[in-house]
Amino acid sequence: MLCAWIANAHGCKVDEGSVHPCIINGHDYGELLYELGLMGWFMLVTLPGGLLAFVSWLILLILHRVAWRKRLSAGGPPPIPQPSSPA
């Protein structure tokens, strides 16, 4: 985690329990580092959710390609939508 590396490089403490002061170049970055550290916990939800979405998309893509190849091998042209005529 980048926030832990920054905090350790400047002798600061970062944990998810509370905000600790971290003075870097005369400015307190403790609250920012605390928030960045807590954002690491979001990966517990987003990584499995993203993996599920990717696998679902991949399955749908494979099914679509199989159906497309069957349609082409049957000799039929690929479906092209007709332009709508103005009424």
N, C-alpha and C. Protein backbone atom coordinates (compact mmCIF):
# COMPACT_ATOMS: atom_id res chain seq x y z
N MET A 1 0.84 -1.18 0.00
CA MET A 1 0.00 0.00 0.00
C MET A 1 0.88 1.24 0.00
N LEU A 2 0.53 2.13 -0.84
CA LEU A 2 1.30 3.36 -1.00
C LEU A 2 1.24 4.23 0.25
N CYS A 3 0.08 4.30 0.89
CA CYS A 3 -0.04 5.18 2.07
C CYS A 3 0.85 4.68 3.21
N ALA A 4 0.96 3.37 3.38
CA ALA A 4 1.83 2.83 4.43
C ALA A 4 3.29 3.12 4.11
N TRP A 5 3.66 3.02 2.86
CA TRP A 5 5.03 3.32 2.45
C TRP A 5 5.37 4.79 2.72
N ILE A 6 4.44 5.69 2.38
CA ILE A 6 4.66 7.13 2.62
C ILE A 6 4.78 7.40 4.11
N ALA A 7 3.87 6.80 4.88
CA ALA A 7 3.89 7.02 6.33
C ALA A 7 5.18 6.48 6.95
N ASN A 8 5.60 5.31 6.57
CA ASN A 8 6.84 4.74 7.12
C ASN A 8 8.06 5.54 6.72
N ALA A 9 8.06 6.08 5.51
CA ALA A 9 9.20 6.87 5.05
C ALA A 9 9.35 8.17 5.85
N HIS A 10 8.24 8.65 6.43
CA HIS A 10 8.29 9.90 7.19
C HIS A 10 8.11 9.68 8.69
N GLY A 11 8.18 8.44 9.13
CA GLY A 11 8.10 8.14 10.56
C GLY A 11 6.73 8.32 11.15
N CYS A 12 5.68 8.10 10.36
CA CYS A 12 4.31 8.27 10.84
C CYS A 12 3.65 6.91 11.04
N LYS A 13 2.54 6.93 11.77
CA LYS A 13 1.77 5.73 12.04
C LYS A 13 0.44 5.83 11.30
N VAL A 14 0.06 4.76 10.62
CA VAL A 14 -1.22 4.72 9.92
C VAL A 14 -1.93 3.43 10.29
N ASP A 15 -3.16 3.54 10.77
CA ASP A 15 -4.00 2.38 11.01
C ASP A 15 -5.45 2.77 10.78
N GLU A 16 -6.34 1.77 10.78
CA GLU A 16 -7.74 2.07 10.51
C GLU A 16 -8.52 2.43 11.75
N GLY A 17 -7.88 2.51 12.88
CA GLY A 17 -8.55 2.84 14.13
C GLY A 17 -8.80 4.33 14.32
N SER A 18 -7.82 5.15 13.98
CA SER A 18 -7.97 6.59 14.17
C SER A 18 -6.94 7.32 13.33
N VAL A 19 -7.13 8.64 13.26
CA VAL A 19 -6.21 9.49 12.50
C VAL A 19 -5.03 9.84 13.40
N HIS A 20 -3.83 9.71 12.87
CA HIS A 20 -2.62 10.08 13.59
C HIS A 20 -1.94 11.21 12.83
N PRO A 21 -1.42 12.19 13.52
CA PRO A 21 -0.76 13.29 12.81
C PRO A 21 0.48 12.79 12.06
N CYS A 22 0.66 13.33 10.86
CA CYS A 22 1.81 12.97 10.03
C CYS A 22 2.27 14.25 9.33
N ILE A 23 3.31 14.85 9.86
CA ILE A 23 3.81 16.12 9.33
C ILE A 23 4.84 15.82 8.24
N ILE A 24 4.54 16.27 7.02
CA ILE A 24 5.45 16.13 5.88
C ILE A 24 5.62 17.51 5.29
N ASN A 25 6.86 17.99 5.30
CA ASN A 25 7.18 19.33 4.77
C ASN A 25 6.30 20.42 5.40
N GLY A 26 6.04 20.30 6.68
CA GLY A 26 5.30 21.33 7.41
C GLY A 26 3.79 21.26 7.27
N HIS A 27 3.27 20.23 6.66
CA HIS A 27 1.82 20.10 6.47
C HIS A 27 1.39 18.75 7.03
N ASP A 28 0.23 18.72 7.71
CA ASP A 28 -0.27 17.50 8.32
C ASP A 28 -1.07 16.70 7.29
N TYR A 29 -0.57 15.52 6.93
CA TYR A 29 -1.24 14.64 5.97
C TYR A 29 -1.85 13.42 6.66
N GLY A 30 -2.03 13.46 7.96
CA GLY A 30 -2.54 12.32 8.72
C GLY A 30 -3.91 11.88 8.28
N GLU A 31 -4.84 12.83 8.08
CA GLU A 31 -6.20 12.47 7.70
C GLU A 31 -6.24 11.90 6.28
N LEU A 32 -5.46 12.47 5.38
CA LEU A 32 -5.40 11.95 4.01
C LEU A 32 -4.85 10.52 3.99
N LEU A 33 -3.78 10.28 4.72
CA LEU A 33 -3.21 8.93 4.78
C LEU A 33 -4.18 7.94 5.41
N TYR A 34 -4.92 8.39 6.41
CA TYR A 34 -5.93 7.54 7.05
C TYR A 34 -7.01 7.13 6.04
N GLU A 35 -7.51 8.11 5.27
CA GLU A 35 -8.54 7.83 4.27
C GLU A 35 -8.01 6.91 3.18
N LEU A 36 -6.78 7.13 2.74
CA LEU A 36 -6.20 6.27 1.72
C LEU A 36 -6.02 4.84 2.24
N GLY A 37 -5.66 4.71 3.50
CA GLY A 37 -5.52 3.39 4.09
C GLY A 37 -6.84 2.64 4.18
N LEU A 38 -7.91 3.36 4.49
CA LEU A 38 -9.22 2.73 4.55
C LEU A 38 -9.73 2.33 3.17
N MET A 39 -9.31 3.03 2.15
CA MET A 39 -9.75 2.68 0.79
C MET A 39 -9.22 1.32 0.36
N GLY A 40 -8.16 0.87 0.98
CA GLY A 40 -7.65 -0.45 0.67
C GLY A 40 -8.63 -1.56 1.00
N TRP A 41 -9.51 -1.32 1.97
CA TRP A 41 -10.50 -2.32 2.34
C TRP A 41 -11.58 -2.47 1.27
N PHE A 42 -11.76 -1.46 0.42
CA PHE A 42 -12.78 -1.55 -0.63
C PHE A 42 -12.45 -2.66 -1.63
N MET A 43 -11.18 -3.04 -1.72
CA MET A 43 -10.82 -4.09 -2.66
C MET A 43 -11.44 -5.43 -2.27
N LEU A 44 -11.81 -5.59 -1.00
CA LEU A 44 -12.44 -6.83 -0.59
C LEU A 44 -13.79 -7.04 -1.26
N VAL A 45 -14.43 -5.95 -1.68
CA VAL A 45 -15.71 -6.04 -2.39
C VAL A 45 -15.51 -5.87 -3.88
N THR A 46 -14.67 -4.92 -4.28
CA THR A 46 -14.56 -4.60 -5.70
C THR A 46 -13.81 -5.66 -6.50
N LEU A 47 -12.80 -6.28 -5.94
CA LEU A 47 -12.08 -7.31 -6.71
C LEU A 47 -12.96 -8.53 -7.00
N PRO A 48 -13.65 -9.11 -6.01
CA PRO A 48 -14.53 -10.23 -6.37
C PRO A 48 -15.69 -9.80 -7.27
N GLY A 49 -16.22 -8.59 -7.06
CA GLY A 49 -17.29 -8.10 -7.92
C GLY A 49 -16.82 -7.90 -9.35
N GLY A 50 -15.63 -7.36 -9.51
CA GLY A 50 -15.07 -7.16 -10.84
C GLY A 50 -14.76 -8.49 -11.51
N LEU A 51 -14.27 -9.45 -10.75
CA LEU A 51 -13.98 -10.77 -11.29
C LEU A 51 -15.27 -11.45 -11.75
N LEU A 52 -16.33 -11.33 -10.96
CA LEU A 52 -17.62 -11.90 -11.34
C LEU A 52 -18.16 -11.25 -12.61
N ALA A 53 -18.04 -9.94 -12.71
CA ALA A 53 -18.51 -9.23 -13.90
C ALA A 53 -17.69 -9.65 -15.12
N PHE A 54 -16.38 -9.80 -14.97
CA PHE A 54 -15.54 -10.20 -16.10
C PHE A 54 -15.87 -11.60 -16.57
N VAL A 55 -16.04 -12.54 -15.63
CA VAL A 55 -16.37 -13.92 -16.01
C VAL A 55 -17.73 -13.97 -16.69
N SER A 56 -18.70 -13.20 -16.20
CA SER A 56 -20.02 -13.15 -16.83
C SER A 56 -19.91 -12.61 -18.25
N TRP A 57 -19.17 -11.53 -18.42
CA TRP A 57 -18.97 -10.94 -19.75
C TRP A 57 -18.29 -11.94 -20.68
N LEU A 58 -17.28 -12.65 -20.19
CA LEU A 58 -16.54 -13.60 -21.00
C LEU A 58 -17.45 -14.75 -21.45
N ILE A 59 -18.30 -15.24 -20.57
CA ILE A 59 -19.23 -16.31 -20.93
C ILE A 59 -20.21 -15.83 -21.99
N LEU A 60 -20.74 -14.62 -21.81
CA LEU A 60 -21.66 -14.08 -22.82
C LEU A 60 -20.96 -13.86 -24.15
N LEU A 61 -19.72 -13.43 -24.14
CA LEU A 61 -18.97 -13.23 -25.37
C LEU A 61 -18.76 -14.56 -26.09
N ILE A 62 -18.39 -15.60 -25.36
CA ILE A 62 -18.19 -16.91 -25.97
C ILE A 62 -19.50 -17.43 -26.56
N LEU A 63 -20.60 -17.30 -25.84
CA LEU A 63 -21.89 -17.74 -26.36
C LEU A 63 -22.29 -16.97 -27.61
N HIS A 64 -22.03 -15.68 -27.62
CA HIS A 64 -22.34 -14.86 -28.78
C HIS A 64 -21.51 -15.28 -29.99
N ARG A 65 -20.20 -15.53 -29.78
CA ARG A 65 -19.33 -15.94 -30.88
C ARG A 65 -19.75 -17.30 -31.43
N VAL A 66 -20.16 -18.22 -30.57
CA VAL A 66 -20.62 -19.53 -31.03
C VAL A 66 -21.87 -19.38 -31.88
N ALA A 67 -22.81 -18.57 -31.43
CA ALA A 67 -24.04 -18.35 -32.20
C ALA A 67 -23.73 -17.66 -33.53
N TRP A 68 -22.81 -16.74 -33.54
CA TRP A 68 -22.43 -16.02 -34.75
C TRP A 68 -21.81 -16.98 -35.77
N ARG A 69 -20.91 -17.85 -35.30
CA ARG A 69 -20.26 -18.81 -36.21
C ARG A 69 -21.28 -19.81 -36.76
N LYS A 70 -22.23 -20.23 -35.96
CA LYS A 70 -23.28 -21.14 -36.45
C LYS A 70 -24.09 -20.47 -37.54
N ARG A 71 -24.42 -19.21 -37.35
CA ARG A 71 -25.20 -18.47 -38.33
C ARG A 71 -24.43 -18.32 -39.63
N LEU A 72 -23.14 -18.04 -39.55
CA LEU A 72 -22.33 -17.88 -40.76
C LEU A 72 -22.11 -19.21 -41.47
N SER A 73 -21.92 -20.29 -40.71
CA SER A 73 -21.69 -21.60 -41.33
C SER A 73 -22.96 -22.14 -41.99
N ALA A 74 -24.13 -21.68 -41.58
CA ALA A 74 -25.39 -22.11 -42.18
C ALA A 74 -25.62 -21.41 -43.51
N GLY A 75 -24.79 -20.46 -43.86
CA GLY A 75 -24.91 -19.78 -45.15
C GLY A 75 -25.72 -18.50 -45.11
N GLY A 76 -26.25 -18.19 -44.00
CA GLY A 76 -27.03 -16.96 -43.90
C GLY A 76 -26.12 -15.76 -43.70
N PRO A 77 -26.50 -14.63 -44.28
CA PRO A 77 -25.69 -13.43 -44.08
C PRO A 77 -25.84 -12.92 -42.65
N PRO A 78 -24.86 -12.21 -42.18
CA PRO A 78 -25.00 -11.64 -40.84
C PRO A 78 -26.14 -10.63 -40.81
N PRO A 79 -26.84 -10.55 -39.72
CA PRO A 79 -27.99 -9.62 -39.66
C PRO A 79 -27.53 -8.18 -39.72
N ILE A 80 -28.12 -7.45 -40.66
CA ILE A 80 -27.84 -6.02 -40.80
C ILE A 80 -29.17 -5.29 -40.61
N PRO A 81 -29.24 -4.41 -39.65
CA PRO A 81 -30.52 -3.72 -39.42
C PRO A 81 -30.86 -2.80 -40.60
N GLN A 82 -32.12 -2.83 -41.01
CA GLN A 82 -32.59 -1.97 -42.09
C GLN A 82 -32.80 -0.56 -41.58
N PRO A 83 -32.43 0.43 -42.39
CA PRO A 83 -32.68 1.82 -41.95
C PRO A 83 -34.16 2.10 -41.89
N SER A 84 -34.55 2.86 -40.92
CA SER A 84 -35.98 3.18 -40.79
C SER A 84 -36.36 4.23 -41.82
N SER A 85 -37.52 4.04 -42.44
CA SER A 85 -37.96 5.00 -43.46
C SER A 85 -38.75 6.12 -42.77
N PRO A 86 -38.51 7.35 -43.24
CA PRO A 86 -39.26 8.47 -42.62
C PRO A 86 -40.72 8.39 -43.00
N ALA A 87 -41.59 8.64 -42.04
CA ALA A 87 -43.02 8.52 -42.29
C ALA A 87 -43.64 9.85 -42.61
